Structures are given as C-alpha cells and as structure tokens.
C-alpha atoms as a PDB file:
ATOM      1  CA  MET A   1       0.000   0.000   0.000  1.00  0.00           C
ATOM      2  CA  PRO A   2       1.242   3.534  -0.717  1.00  0.00           C
ATOM      3  CA  ARG A   3       2.618   5.352   2.290  1.00  0.00           C
ATOM      4  CA  THR A   4       0.542   8.305   3.496  1.00  0.00           C
ATOM      5  CA  ARG A   5       1.216  11.116   5.941  1.00  0.00           C
ATOM      6  CA  ALA A   6      -0.716   9.268   8.658  1.00  0.00           C
ATOM      7  CA  THR A   7       1.182   6.001   8.237  1.00  0.00           C
ATOM      8  CA  HIS A   8       4.498   7.851   8.121  1.00  0.00           C
ATOM      9  CA  GLN A   9       3.694   9.664  11.356  1.00  0.00           C
ATOM     10  CA  GLN A  10       2.692   6.347  12.880  1.00  0.00           C
ATOM     11  CA  LYS A  11       6.081   4.841  11.985  1.00  0.00           C
ATOM     12  CA  LEU A  12       7.851   7.860  13.484  1.00  0.00           C
ATOM     13  CA  GLU A  13       5.969   7.443  16.761  1.00  0.00           C
ATOM     14  CA  GLN A  14       6.772   3.722  16.851  1.00  0.00           C
ATOM     15  CA  LEU A  15      10.425   4.519  16.210  1.00  0.00           C
ATOM     16  CA  MET A  16      10.547   7.072  19.029  1.00  0.00           C
ATOM     17  CA  GLN A  17       8.969   4.623  21.475  1.00  0.00           C
ATOM     18  CA  SER A  18      11.232   1.738  20.476  1.00  0.00           C
ATOM     19  CA  LYS A  19      14.857   1.940  21.547  1.00  0.00           C
ATOM     20  CA  ASP A  20      15.937  -1.398  20.093  1.00  0.00           C
ATOM     21  CA  LYS A  21      14.945  -0.845  16.454  1.00  0.00           C
ATOM     22  CA  PRO A  22      16.997   1.789  14.614  1.00  0.00           C
ATOM     23  CA  ILE A  23      14.733   1.536  11.562  1.00  0.00           C
ATOM     24  CA  ILE A  24      11.053   0.680  11.043  1.00  0.00           C
ATOM     25  CA  SER A  25       9.679   0.146   7.519  1.00  0.00           C
ATOM     26  CA  GLY A  26      12.478   2.236   6.067  1.00  0.00           C
ATOM     27  CA  VAL A  27      11.979   5.153   8.489  1.00  0.00           C
ATOM     28  CA  THR A  28      15.113   6.058  10.461  1.00  0.00           C
ATOM     29  CA  GLY A  29      13.933   9.309  12.002  1.00  0.00           C
ATOM     30  CA  GLU A  30      12.444  12.710  11.327  1.00  0.00           C
ATOM     31  CA  SER A  31      13.570  14.379   8.118  1.00  0.00           C
ATOM     32  CA  PHE A  32      16.098  17.209   8.388  1.00  0.00           C
ATOM     33  CA  LEU A  33      13.826  19.287   6.151  1.00  0.00           C
ATOM     34  CA  ALA A  34      10.659  18.645   8.158  1.00  0.00           C
ATOM     35  CA  LYS A  35      10.532  22.249   9.463  1.00  0.00           C
ATOM     36  CA  LEU A  36      10.376  23.732   5.977  1.00  0.00           C
ATOM     37  CA  VAL A  37       7.031  25.260   5.044  1.00  0.00           C
ATOM     38  CA  GLY A  38       5.047  22.994   2.719  1.00  0.00           C
ATOM     39  CA  PHE A  39       7.530  20.109   2.961  1.00  0.00           C
ATOM     40  CA  HIS A  40       6.609  16.550   3.868  1.00  0.00           C
ATOM     41  CA  PRO A  41       8.822  13.538   3.096  1.00  0.00           C
ATOM     42  CA  VAL A  42       5.903  11.526   1.741  1.00  0.00           C
ATOM     43  CA  ASN A  43       4.762  14.085  -0.859  1.00  0.00           C
ATOM     44  CA  SER A  44       7.920  16.142  -1.444  1.00  0.00           C
ATOM     45  CA  LEU A  45      10.365  13.306  -2.182  1.00  0.00           C
ATOM     46  CA  PRO A  46       9.141  11.518  -5.323  1.00  0.00           C
ATOM     47  CA  PHE A  47      10.701   8.385  -6.744  1.00  0.00           C
ATOM     48  CA  ASP A  48      13.653   8.524  -9.080  1.00  0.00           C
ATOM     49  CA  LEU A  49      13.913   6.860 -12.501  1.00  0.00           C
ATOM     50  CA  MET A  50      17.646   6.367 -12.298  1.00  0.00           C
ATOM     51  CA  HIS A  51      17.683   4.463  -9.009  1.00  0.00           C
ATOM     52  CA  ASP A  52      14.425   2.556  -9.525  1.00  0.00           C
ATOM     53  CA  PHE A  53      15.021   1.498 -13.138  1.00  0.00           C
ATOM     54  CA  ALA A  54      18.596   2.022 -14.365  1.00  0.00           C
ATOM     55  CA  GLU A  55      20.117   0.763 -11.096  1.00  0.00           C
ATOM     56  CA  GLY A  56      17.137  -1.342 -10.014  1.00  0.00           C
ATOM     57  CA  VAL A  57      14.957  -3.391 -12.346  1.00  0.00           C
ATOM     58  CA  TYR A  58      17.113  -3.093 -15.496  1.00  0.00           C
ATOM     59  CA  PRO A  59      19.945  -5.284 -14.152  1.00  0.00           C
ATOM     60  CA  LEU A  60      17.426  -7.761 -12.706  1.00  0.00           C
ATOM     61  CA  VAL A  61      15.659  -8.343 -16.006  1.00  0.00           C
ATOM     62  CA  LEU A  62      18.886  -8.281 -18.013  1.00  0.00           C
ATOM     63  CA  LEU A  63      20.530 -10.899 -15.816  1.00  0.00           C
ATOM     64  CA  ALA A  64      17.390 -13.032 -15.977  1.00  0.00           C
ATOM     65  CA  ILE A  65      17.479 -12.965 -19.790  1.00  0.00           C
ATOM     66  CA  LEU A  66      21.153 -13.935 -19.952  1.00  0.00           C
ATOM     67  CA  LYS A  67      20.852 -16.648 -17.321  1.00  0.00           C
ATOM     68  CA  GLU A  68      17.787 -18.113 -19.023  1.00  0.00           C
ATOM     69  CA  ALA A  69      19.700 -18.306 -22.313  1.00  0.00           C
ATOM     70  CA  SER A  70      22.453 -20.209 -20.518  1.00  0.00           C
ATOM     71  CA  SER A  71      20.167 -22.517 -18.516  1.00  0.00           C
ATOM     72  CA  ARG A  72      18.242 -23.515 -21.662  1.00  0.00           C
ATOM     73  CA  HIS A  73      21.553 -24.291 -23.430  1.00  0.00           C
ATOM     74  CA  ILE A  74      21.002 -21.617 -26.076  1.00  0.00           C
ATOM     75  CA  LEU A  75      24.154 -19.639 -25.317  1.00  0.00           C
ATOM     76  CA  THR A  76      26.933 -20.268 -22.835  1.00  0.00           C
ATOM     77  CA  TYR A  77      28.300 -17.532 -20.591  1.00  0.00           C
ATOM     78  CA  ALA A  78      31.419 -17.470 -22.755  1.00  0.00           C
ATOM     79  CA  LYS A  79      29.352 -16.911 -25.917  1.00  0.00           C
ATOM     80  CA  ILE A  80      27.360 -14.161 -24.222  1.00  0.00           C
ATOM     81  CA  GLU A  81      30.568 -12.404 -23.173  1.00  0.00           C
ATOM     82  CA  GLU A  82      31.944 -12.766 -26.697  1.00  0.00           C
ATOM     83  CA  ARG A  83      28.816 -11.272 -28.293  1.00  0.00           C
ATOM     84  CA  ILE A  84      28.720  -8.275 -25.970  1.00  0.00           C
ATOM     85  CA  GLN A  85      32.430  -7.677 -26.435  1.00  0.00           C
ATOM     86  CA  SER A  86      32.289  -7.816 -30.247  1.00  0.00           C
ATOM     87  CA  PHE A  87      29.138  -5.671 -30.589  1.00  0.00           C
ATOM     88  CA  GLN A  88      29.694  -2.447 -32.524  1.00  0.00           C
ATOM     89  CA  TYR A  89      28.027   0.493 -30.768  1.00  0.00           C
ATOM     90  CA  GLY A  90      26.686   3.390 -32.786  1.00  0.00           C
ATOM     91  CA  VAL A  91      27.886   6.978 -32.632  1.00  0.00           C
ATOM     92  CA  ASN A  92      25.092   8.061 -30.297  1.00  0.00           C
ATOM     93  CA  ASP A  93      25.724   5.164 -27.896  1.00  0.00           C
ATOM     94  CA  ALA A  94      29.527   5.267 -27.909  1.00  0.00           C
ATOM     95  CA  LYS A  95      29.801   7.593 -24.892  1.00  0.00           C
ATOM     96  CA  ASN A  96      27.565   5.244 -22.862  1.00  0.00           C
ATOM     97  CA  LYS A  97      29.286   2.058 -23.982  1.00  0.00           C
ATOM     98  CA  PRO A  98      29.028  -0.331 -21.016  1.00  0.00           C
ATOM     99  CA  PRO A  99      31.893  -2.429 -19.705  1.00  0.00           C
ATOM    100  CA  ILE A 100      32.022  -6.034 -20.815  1.00  0.00           C
ATOM    101  CA  ILE A 101      29.708  -8.376 -18.921  1.00  0.00           C
ATOM    102  CA  ARG A 102      32.107 -11.165 -18.044  1.00  0.00           C
ATOM    103  CA  ILE A 103      31.439 -14.694 -16.864  1.00  0.00           C
ATOM    104  CA  LYS A 104      32.134 -13.782 -13.227  1.00  0.00           C
ATOM    105  CA  HIS A 105      29.517 -11.018 -13.374  1.00  0.00           C
ATOM    106  CA  LEU A 106      26.877 -13.436 -14.623  1.00  0.00           C
ATOM    107  CA  ALA A 107      27.851 -16.041 -12.043  1.00  0.00           C
ATOM    108  CA  ASN A 108      27.731 -13.507  -9.197  1.00  0.00           C
ATOM    109  CA  GLY A 109      24.517 -11.911 -10.438  1.00  0.00           C
ATOM    110  CA  HIS A 110      26.002  -8.422 -10.669  1.00  0.00           C
ATOM    111  CA  ILE A 111      26.331  -6.082 -13.658  1.00  0.00           C
ATOM    112  CA  VAL A 112      28.945  -3.356 -13.378  1.00  0.00           C
ATOM    113  CA  GLY A 113      28.697   0.100 -14.899  1.00  0.00           C
ATOM    114  CA  SER A 114      27.004   3.437 -14.412  1.00  0.00           C
ATOM    115  CA  ALA A 115      23.266   4.053 -14.707  1.00  0.00           C
ATOM    116  CA  SER A 116      23.551   5.331 -18.289  1.00  0.00           C
ATOM    117  CA  GLN A 117      25.686   2.340 -19.266  1.00  0.00           C
ATOM    118  CA  LYS A 118      23.172  -0.115 -17.796  1.00  0.00           C
ATOM    119  CA  MET A 119      20.365   1.661 -19.641  1.00  0.00           C
ATOM    120  CA  CYS A 120      22.346   1.446 -22.890  1.00  0.00           C
ATOM    121  CA  ILE A 121      22.971  -2.308 -22.662  1.00  0.00           C
ATOM    122  CA  PHE A 122      19.365  -2.898 -21.576  1.00  0.00           C
ATOM    123  CA  LYS A 123      17.999  -1.153 -24.670  1.00  0.00           C
ATOM    124  CA  LEU A 124      20.470  -2.805 -27.055  1.00  0.00           C
ATOM    125  CA  ILE A 125      20.209  -6.381 -25.759  1.00  0.00           C
ATOM    126  CA  PRO A 126      17.493  -7.304 -28.341  1.00  0.00           C
ATOM    127  CA  ILE A 127      19.931  -6.354 -31.105  1.00  0.00           C
ATOM    128  CA  ILE A 128      22.845  -8.187 -29.504  1.00  0.00           C
ATOM    129  CA  LEU A 129      20.738 -11.341 -28.984  1.00  0.00           C
ATOM    130  CA  HIS A 130      18.469 -10.879 -31.999  1.00  0.00           C
ATOM    131  CA  ASP A 131      18.523 -14.542 -33.035  1.00  0.00           C
ATOM    132  CA  ILE A 132      17.453 -16.024 -29.692  1.00  0.00           C
ATOM    133  CA  LEU A 133      14.942 -13.550 -28.238  1.00  0.00           C
ATOM    134  CA  ASP A 134      12.106 -14.877 -30.397  1.00  0.00           C
ATOM    135  CA  ARG A 135      12.302 -18.268 -28.696  1.00  0.00           C
ATOM    136  CA  PRO A 136       9.591 -18.750 -26.035  1.00  0.00           C
ATOM    137  CA  GLY A 137      10.712 -18.196 -22.479  1.00  0.00           C
ATOM    138  CA  ASP A 138       9.802 -16.653 -19.141  1.00  0.00           C
ATOM    139  CA  THR A 139      11.743 -13.404 -19.568  1.00  0.00           C
ATOM    140  CA  LEU A 140      10.669 -12.140 -22.994  1.00  0.00           C
ATOM    141  CA  ASP A 141       7.227 -10.962 -21.827  1.00  0.00           C
ATOM    142  CA  ILE A 142       8.812  -9.241 -18.834  1.00  0.00           C
ATOM    143  CA  TYR A 143      11.311  -7.422 -21.028  1.00  0.00           C
ATOM    144  CA  VAL A 144       8.669  -6.285 -23.543  1.00  0.00           C
ATOM    145  CA  CYS A 145       6.404  -5.052 -20.760  1.00  0.00           C
ATOM    146  CA  LEU A 146       9.240  -3.113 -19.130  1.00  0.00           C
ATOM    147  CA  ARG A 147      10.214  -1.537 -22.459  1.00  0.00           C
ATOM    148  CA  LYS A 148       6.635  -0.309 -22.890  1.00  0.00           C
ATOM    149  CA  ILE A 149       6.736   1.191 -19.405  1.00  0.00           C
ATOM    150  CA  ILE A 150       9.970   3.110 -19.884  1.00  0.00           C
ATOM    151  CA  SER A 151       8.854   4.363 -23.304  1.00  0.00           C
ATOM    152  CA  ILE A 152       6.162   6.288 -21.414  1.00  0.00           C
ATOM    153  CA  LEU A 153       8.125   7.225 -18.310  1.00  0.00           C
ATOM    154  CA  TYR A 154      10.984   8.830 -20.226  1.00  0.00           C
ATOM    155  CA  CYS A 155       8.689  11.102 -22.239  1.00  0.00           C
ATOM    156  CA  THR A 156       9.339  14.790 -21.646  1.00  0.00           C
ATOM    157  CA  LYS A 157       5.703  15.577 -22.436  1.00  0.00           C
ATOM    158  CA  MET A 158       2.977  13.280 -21.169  1.00  0.00           C
ATOM    159  CA  ARG A 159      -0.796  13.088 -21.450  1.00  0.00           C
ATOM    160  CA  ARG A 160      -3.089  12.232 -18.563  1.00  0.00           C
ATOM    161  CA  SER A 161      -4.946   9.824 -20.841  1.00  0.00           C
ATOM    162  CA  TRP A 162      -1.825   7.617 -20.831  1.00  0.00           C
ATOM    163  CA  LEU A 163      -1.900   7.038 -17.062  1.00  0.00           C
ATOM    164  CA  PRO A 164      -4.578   4.276 -17.007  1.00  0.00           C
ATOM    165  CA  TYR A 165      -2.654   2.341 -19.654  1.00  0.00           C
ATOM    166  CA  LEU A 166       0.572   2.899 -17.700  1.00  0.00           C
ATOM    167  CA  ALA A 167      -1.144   1.571 -14.570  1.00  0.00           C
ATOM    168  CA  THR A 168      -2.096  -1.657 -16.353  1.00  0.00           C
ATOM    169  CA  LEU A 169       1.467  -2.065 -17.638  1.00  0.00           C
ATOM    170  CA  THR A 170       3.056  -1.572 -14.224  1.00  0.00           C
ATOM    171  CA  THR A 171       0.606  -3.993 -12.602  1.00  0.00           C
ATOM    172  CA  ARG A 172       1.314  -6.564 -15.316  1.00  0.00           C
ATOM    173  CA  PHE A 173       5.063  -6.123 -14.871  1.00  0.00           C
ATOM    174  CA  GLN A 174       4.834  -6.689 -11.130  1.00  0.00           C
ATOM    175  CA  SER A 175       2.639  -9.775 -11.639  1.00  0.00           C
ATOM    176  CA  LEU A 176       5.025 -11.234 -14.216  1.00  0.00           C
ATOM    177  CA  MET A 177       7.997 -10.718 -11.917  1.00  0.00           C
ATOM    178  CA  VAL A 178       6.212 -12.319  -8.947  1.00  0.00           C
ATOM    179  CA  ASN A 179       4.978 -15.314 -10.962  1.00  0.00           C
ATOM    180  CA  ARG A 180       7.990 -16.005 -13.195  1.00  0.00           C
ATOM    181  CA  LEU A 181      10.968 -14.576 -11.310  1.00  0.00           C
ATOM    182  CA  PRO A 182       9.935 -14.676  -7.638  1.00  0.00           C
ATOM    183  CA  ASN A 183      13.528 -14.892  -6.415  1.00  0.00           C
ATOM    184  CA  ASN A 184      14.427 -11.651  -8.211  1.00  0.00           C
ATOM    185  CA  VAL A 185      11.662  -9.505  -6.742  1.00  0.00           C
ATOM    186  CA  ILE A 186      12.997  -6.536  -4.767  1.00  0.00           C
ATOM    187  CA  PRO A 187      11.152  -3.475  -3.356  1.00  0.00           C
ATOM    188  CA  LYS A 188      11.926  -1.480  -6.515  1.00  0.00           C
ATOM    189  CA  VAL A 189       9.752  -3.908  -8.490  1.00  0.00           C
ATOM    190  CA  HIS A 190       6.816  -2.826  -6.340  1.00  0.00           C
ATOM    191  CA  PHE A 191       7.829   0.847  -6.619  1.00  0.00           C
ATOM    192  CA  VAL A 192       7.131   0.644 -10.357  1.00  0.00           C
ATOM    193  CA  THR A 193       3.394   0.360  -9.675  1.00  0.00           C
ATOM    194  CA  GLU A 194       3.410   3.737  -7.869  1.00  0.00           C
ATOM    195  CA  TYR A 195       4.536   5.756 -10.897  1.00  0.00           C
ATOM    196  CA  PRO A 196       1.069   6.453 -12.365  1.00  0.00           C
ATOM    197  CA  CYS A 197      -0.029   8.135  -9.100  1.00  0.00           C
ATOM    198  CA  LEU A 198       3.333   9.853  -8.821  1.00  0.00           C
ATOM    199  CA  ILE A 199       3.043  11.294 -12.328  1.00  0.00           C
ATOM    200  CA  ALA A 200      -0.507  12.464 -11.640  1.00  0.00           C
ATOM    201  CA  MET A 201       0.778  14.503  -8.677  1.00  0.00           C
ATOM    202  CA  ASN A 202       4.190  15.711  -9.928  1.00  0.00           C
ATOM    203  CA  GLY A 203       4.212  15.482 -13.721  1.00  0.00           C
ATOM    204  CA  PRO A 204       6.665  13.601 -15.976  1.00  0.00           C
ATOM    205  CA  PRO A 205       9.393  11.898 -13.913  1.00  0.00           C
ATOM    206  CA  THR A 206      12.154  13.133 -16.222  1.00  0.00           C
ATOM    207  CA  GLY A 207      11.747  16.526 -14.551  1.00  0.00           C
ATOM    208  CA  TYR A 208      12.935  15.217 -11.169  1.00  0.00           C
ATOM    209  CA  ASP A 209      15.328  12.509 -12.314  1.00  0.00           C
ATOM    210  CA  CYS A 210      18.729  12.191 -10.593  1.00  0.00           C
ATOM    211  CA  ASP A 211      20.644  11.799 -13.862  1.00  0.00           C
ATOM    212  CA  ARG A 212      21.354  15.526 -14.112  1.00  0.00           C
ATOM    213  CA  PHE A 213      22.515  15.645 -10.500  1.00  0.00           C
ATOM    214  CA  GLU A 214      24.830  12.696 -11.076  1.00  0.00           C
ATOM    215  CA  GLY A 215      26.198  14.378 -14.203  1.00  0.00           C
ATOM    216  CA  LYS A 216      26.985  17.535 -12.243  1.00  0.00           C
ATOM    217  CA  HIS A 217      28.408  15.481  -9.390  1.00  0.00           C
ATOM    218  CA  LEU A 218      30.710  13.693 -11.835  1.00  0.00           C
ATOM    219  CA  TYR A 219      32.025  17.061 -13.063  1.00  0.00           C
ATOM    220  CA  PHE A 220      32.961  18.094  -9.509  1.00  0.00           C
ATOM    221  CA  LYS A 221      34.560  14.730  -8.748  1.00  0.00           C
ATOM    222  CA  GLN A 222      36.743  14.935 -11.853  1.00  0.00           C
ATOM    223  CA  LEU A 223      37.620  18.539 -11.046  1.00  0.00           C
ATOM    224  CA  ALA A 224      38.615  17.649  -7.483  1.00  0.00           C
ATOM    225  CA  ILE A 225      40.939  14.908  -8.746  1.00  0.00           C
ATOM    226  CA  ARG A 226      42.595  17.065 -11.410  1.00  0.00           C
ATOM    227  CA  SER A 227      43.049  20.198  -9.289  1.00  0.00           C
ATOM    228  CA  PHE A 228      45.196  18.493  -6.607  1.00  0.00           C
ATOM    229  CA  SER A 229      43.855  20.979  -4.060  1.00  0.00           C
ATOM    230  CA  PHE A 230      44.071  19.679  -0.495  1.00  0.00           C
ATOM    231  CA  LYS A 231      43.928  22.902   1.564  1.00  0.00           C
ATOM    232  CA  ASN A 232      40.457  24.178   0.632  1.00  0.00           C
ATOM    233  CA  PRO A 233      38.787  21.927  -1.983  1.00  0.00           C
ATOM    234  CA  PRO A 234      35.284  23.509  -1.662  1.00  0.00           C
ATOM    235  CA  LEU A 235      36.692  26.971  -2.472  1.00  0.00           C
ATOM    236  CA  THR A 236      38.601  25.602  -5.458  1.00  0.00           C
ATOM    237  CA  LEU A 237      35.546  23.782  -6.857  1.00  0.00           C
ATOM    238  CA  ALA A 238      33.235  26.756  -6.329  1.00  0.00           C
ATOM    239  CA  LYS A 239      35.674  29.187  -7.956  1.00  0.00           C
ATOM    240  CA  ARG A 240      36.354  26.960 -10.949  1.00  0.00           C
ATOM    241  CA  HIS A 241      32.641  26.362 -11.453  1.00  0.00           C
ATOM    242  CA  GLN A 242      31.828  30.062 -11.266  1.00  0.00           C
ATOM    243  CA  LEU A 243      34.543  30.903 -13.786  1.00  0.00           C
ATOM    244  CA  ARG A 244      33.225  28.227 -16.118  1.00  0.00           C
ATOM    245  CA  GLN A 245      29.681  29.586 -15.858  1.00  0.00           C
ATOM    246  CA  CYS A 246      30.949  33.117 -16.541  1.00  0.00           C
ATOM    247  CA  LEU A 247      32.696  31.857 -19.669  1.00  0.00           C
ATOM    248  CA  LEU A 248      29.551  30.116 -20.908  1.00  0.00           C
ATOM    249  CA  LEU A 249      27.260  33.058 -20.171  1.00  0.00           C
ATOM    250  CA  SER A 250      29.637  35.521 -21.834  1.00  0.00           C
ATOM    251  CA  ASN A 251      29.000  33.838 -25.177  1.00  0.00           C
ATOM    252  CA  LYS A 252      26.436  35.904 -27.108  1.00  0.00           C
ATOM    253  CA  SER A 253      24.867  32.820 -28.685  1.00  0.00           C
ATOM    254  CA  PHE A 254      24.502  30.903 -25.387  1.00  0.00           C
ATOM    255  CA  TYR A 255      20.746  31.504 -25.167  1.00  0.00           C
ATOM    256  CA  ASN A 256      20.170  31.288 -28.913  1.00  0.00           C
ATOM    257  CA  ILE A 257      19.456  28.131 -30.862  1.00  0.00           C
ATOM    258  CA  THR A 258      22.123  28.008 -33.554  1.00  0.00           C
ATOM    259  CA  ASP A 259      22.882  25.388 -36.177  1.00  0.00           C
ATOM    260  CA  GLU A 260      26.456  24.123 -36.162  1.00  0.00           C
ATOM    261  CA  THR A 261      28.242  21.933 -38.675  1.00  0.00           C
ATOM    262  CA  THR A 262      31.653  20.257 -38.809  1.00  0.00           C
ATOM    263  CA  TRP A 263      33.887  19.255 -41.716  1.00  0.00           C
ATOM    264  CA  GLU A 264      31.996  21.195 -44.373  1.00  0.00           C
ATOM    265  CA  LYS A 265      32.881  20.827 -48.035  1.00  0.00           C
ATOM    266  CA  THR A 266      31.226  21.619 -51.357  1.00  0.00           C
ATOM    267  CA  ILE A 267      30.457  18.735 -53.717  1.00  0.00           C
ATOM    268  CA  GLN A 268      28.937  18.540 -57.183  1.00  0.00           C
ATOM    269  CA  HIS A 269      25.638  16.899 -57.962  1.00  0.00           C
ATOM    270  CA  SER A 270      27.404  14.208 -59.976  1.00  0.00           C
ATOM    271  CA  GLU A 271      29.496  13.212 -56.948  1.00  0.00           C
ATOM    272  CA  LEU A 272      26.433  12.110 -54.999  1.00  0.00           C
ATOM    273  CA  SER A 273      25.414   8.482 -54.955  1.00  0.00           C
ATOM    274  CA  LEU A 274      22.661   7.360 -57.309  1.00  0.00           C
ATOM    275  CA  GLN A 275      20.274   6.757 -54.420  1.00  0.00           C
ATOM    276  CA  VAL A 276      20.751  10.302 -53.122  1.00  0.00           C
ATOM    277  CA  GLN A 277      20.373  11.769 -56.622  1.00  0.00           C
ATOM    278  CA  ARG A 278      17.149   9.833 -57.162  1.00  0.00           C
ATOM    279  CA  LEU A 279      15.820  10.980 -53.775  1.00  0.00           C
ATOM    280  CA  LEU A 280      16.590  14.625 -54.557  1.00  0.00           C
ATOM    281  CA  ASN A 281      14.894  14.379 -57.943  1.00  0.00           C
ATOM    282  CA  GLU A 282      11.782  12.817 -56.399  1.00  0.00           C
ATOM    283  CA  ASN A 283      11.487  15.775 -54.012  1.00  0.00           C
ATOM    284  CA  GLY A 284      12.058  18.394 -56.724  1.00  0.00           C
ATOM    285  CA  ILE A 285      15.502  19.455 -55.491  1.00  0.00           C
ATOM    286  CA  ALA A 286      17.833  20.244 -58.382  1.00  0.00           C
ATOM    287  CA  GLU A 287      21.001  22.101 -57.450  1.00  0.00           C
ATOM    288  CA  LEU A 288      24.391  22.032 -59.112  1.00  0.00           C
ATOM    289  CA  THR A 289      26.366  22.045 -55.869  1.00  0.00           C
ATOM    290  CA  TYR A 290      25.660  20.922 -52.317  1.00  0.00           C
ATOM    291  CA  ILE A 291      27.315  21.370 -48.934  1.00  0.00           C
ATOM    292  CA  GLU A 292      28.352  18.120 -47.280  1.00  0.00           C
ATOM    293  CA  CYS A 293      29.254  17.960 -43.594  1.00  0.00           C
ATOM    294  CA  LYS A 294      30.256  15.265 -41.145  1.00  0.00           C
ATOM    295  CA  THR A 295      27.913  16.318 -38.309  1.00  0.00           C
ATOM    296  CA  ILE A 296      25.209  18.935 -37.907  1.00  0.00           C
ATOM    297  CA  SER A 297      23.542  20.222 -34.735  1.00  0.00           C
ATOM    298  CA  LEU A 298      19.985  21.261 -35.590  1.00  0.00           C
ATOM    299  CA  ASP A 299      17.774  22.587 -32.767  1.00  0.00           C
ATOM    300  CA  HIS A 300      20.130  21.060 -30.169  1.00  0.00           C
ATOM    301  CA  VAL A 301      19.906  17.645 -31.890  1.00  0.00           C
ATOM    302  CA  LYS A 302      23.193  16.241 -33.155  1.00  0.00           C
ATOM    303  CA  ILE A 303      22.773  14.458 -36.489  1.00  0.00           C
ATOM    304  CA  VAL A 304      25.507  12.122 -37.695  1.00  0.00           C
ATOM    305  CA  GLN A 305      25.760   9.240 -40.108  1.00  0.00           C
ATOM    306  CA  GLU A 306      24.399   5.831 -39.096  1.00  0.00           C
ATOM    307  CA  SER A 307      21.751   7.449 -36.859  1.00  0.00           C
ATOM    308  CA  ALA A 308      17.995   6.914 -36.697  1.00  0.00           C
ATOM    309  CA  PHE A 309      15.449   9.529 -35.614  1.00  0.00           C
ATOM    310  CA  VAL A 310      11.698   9.743 -35.185  1.00  0.00           C
ATOM    311  CA  PHE A 311      10.420  12.445 -37.543  1.00  0.00           C
ATOM    312  CA  LYS A 312       6.634  12.064 -37.230  1.00  0.00           C
ATOM    313  CA  LEU A 313       3.776  10.095 -35.674  1.00  0.00           C
ATOM    314  CA  VAL A 314       0.990   8.654 -37.790  1.00  0.00           C
ATOM    315  CA  HIS A 315      -2.548   7.427 -37.118  1.00  0.00           C
ATOM    316  CA  GLU A 316      -4.431   7.668 -33.832  1.00  0.00           C
ATOM    317  CA  GLU A 317      -2.117   5.098 -32.279  1.00  0.00           C
ATOM    318  CA  GLU A 318       0.779   7.560 -32.845  1.00  0.00           C
ATOM    319  CA  ILE A 319       2.959   5.000 -34.579  1.00  0.00           C
ATOM    320  CA  PRO A 320       6.479   6.475 -34.979  1.00  0.00           C
ATOM    321  CA  CYS A 321       8.052   6.843 -38.405  1.00  0.00           C
ATOM    322  CA  PHE A 322      11.833   6.698 -38.447  1.00  0.00           C
ATOM    323  CA  ILE A 323      14.396   8.258 -40.728  1.00  0.00           C
ATOM    324  CA  TYR A 324      17.842   6.710 -41.151  1.00  0.00           C
ATOM    325  CA  ILE A 325      20.859   8.912 -41.846  1.00  0.00           C
ATOM    326  CA  ARG A 326      23.252   7.105 -44.159  1.00  0.00           C
END
C-alpha cells in the first residue's frame, strides 16, 4: 500500500517509542527538512527513474534474460561475453558504452557500470541477442512489458490519458515478476506500480530525475581529482565552477538556438550516390552544388551518419516513423 502522511507519522511514533529498532519500515527518524514550510517527506520526495530502473529493475531483467539463455543451453556464458564484447556500438551510444559483462559477473549476479551504461545495454540487448529472443521463455514478456513502461516514463511531455494504460502495464510487470521470477523480486519492483499516481501529482518523472545531478556530481569529482587541491577543496571547486559559468554566459549565442556543422565541403551533384540523386529528384531538389558535412547540430539535436530519428507520428495510435541517416 502507498505510504501516506498518517502512516508515516505512525512509523515515526513507533520509532521514538522503540529503543531497540533503529529503523522501522524504512523510516530512520524525522527528516532534516521537516521544518520547511510545505515540505513533507511523503509528498515532497518523489521516486527517481535512475535508481528505480537504471540501477534497479534493469539489471534484474537483463541478468534473468542472460541466465535463461544459458540454462536452456542456447548460449553459454562465454558466448554471451563474446557477443557483448564484439558488438559495434553506434555513434550516439559510444559515450555510454558499457563495460564487458564477463562470466564472473553473470555467475555472481552483478552487472557493473554506471546508470547510463546499464540503460544502454538494456535497450540494445534485443539487437545483440536478436537470433534467440524470439524463442519462447519466461523473460521475454517481462522485457517487452518493461520496455513499454519506460517508453512512457521517459517522455518529456505526457498526457493524462496515458496514465490508465501505464497503470495496467506496471501492474502486469509486477505480476510477471512475482509469478515467473519470484527470487528476483525486490522493493523497486513494487515501486514501479506507484509511478502512475506519482506522475498524476508531480508530472513527468524526467523533470525530477537524478541523472542531471549525477552528471553535475561527476564534473565536480573529476575537477577535485585534477586540481590536486588539499587545503580548501570547496573553495577551489566553487571558484572553478563560477569561472566556467561566466565563460559560458559571456558567449552571445549561449541563449540562442544556432545550427552548427563540422567538416563542411562543397560537392557537385554528380558526386552524390545514385540513391541520393534519385531521392533529390523525387522531391524536386535540383542544385548544381551541395554542402556536405560530417555532423550537424539542428535545434540542439546532433545528427551524424548511421543514426535513426523519429520524424513524425501517424494514425491515432501515434505510430512512430523513423528516418535513417546514411
């Protein structure tokens, strides 16, 4: 059952009366922010996508898929490690390339890597294991259901009409985990079912995700290591950060959306491939020369070769149409 203000206060009173139990139902004491106006730990501290999914249910489901492939004699641990190691990551996924999942990680039931790296391998596992995922098993339905859930949760703009469907998906995911993988059920599996109510109260969860905090925290950790400051590290970090912000804000185009390109060169129409020439002719584009570039940043979206993007939604079901940059 969801925790309410009354139940939370009840746990606090039980904790104050009991001297032997340092923690009751996850409550260790009164919040340090309890005296703030309008603050309550039940309503003011929503769940977090990064900890609940990227560092919670993603590794559980991923390990279950890999272990099921091994237990059914489809792939050995050595073959799984070889496939993940030889997989070629795209340009957009290269910065989040996860470390190799070795045999010892599968045997110990632990996947190493950051939250973004675990999310990357979780999304790409159907491509890595494309020839075995279509075989019937206990984990395929769980994976598909979880993918449907995160496709909604990671939306920056969300409709209230989606919440009932999201509620059915989260309930189905919890039921599948309890029935098919009972030994892998942790509290975060149950937390998934609370997201529809959470979104109804606080909006899309991407707005209060910890990923941005972790990214900023990583910047300060790297800065502390490189500065070799041991007398007053907080002053050094604050000063360096302020100088960096001053440099960024001094740029006249900082608040403007500008298009940037790299490695520009002019080519003739005859130098284009036949497929590109045919495509230009079909769209009524007939120029003698064109500008070719390696990358282009358009409306804060970086476009490079070998990338796929959603460019429109069709029908009432909002089926995405993709465009592939060759």
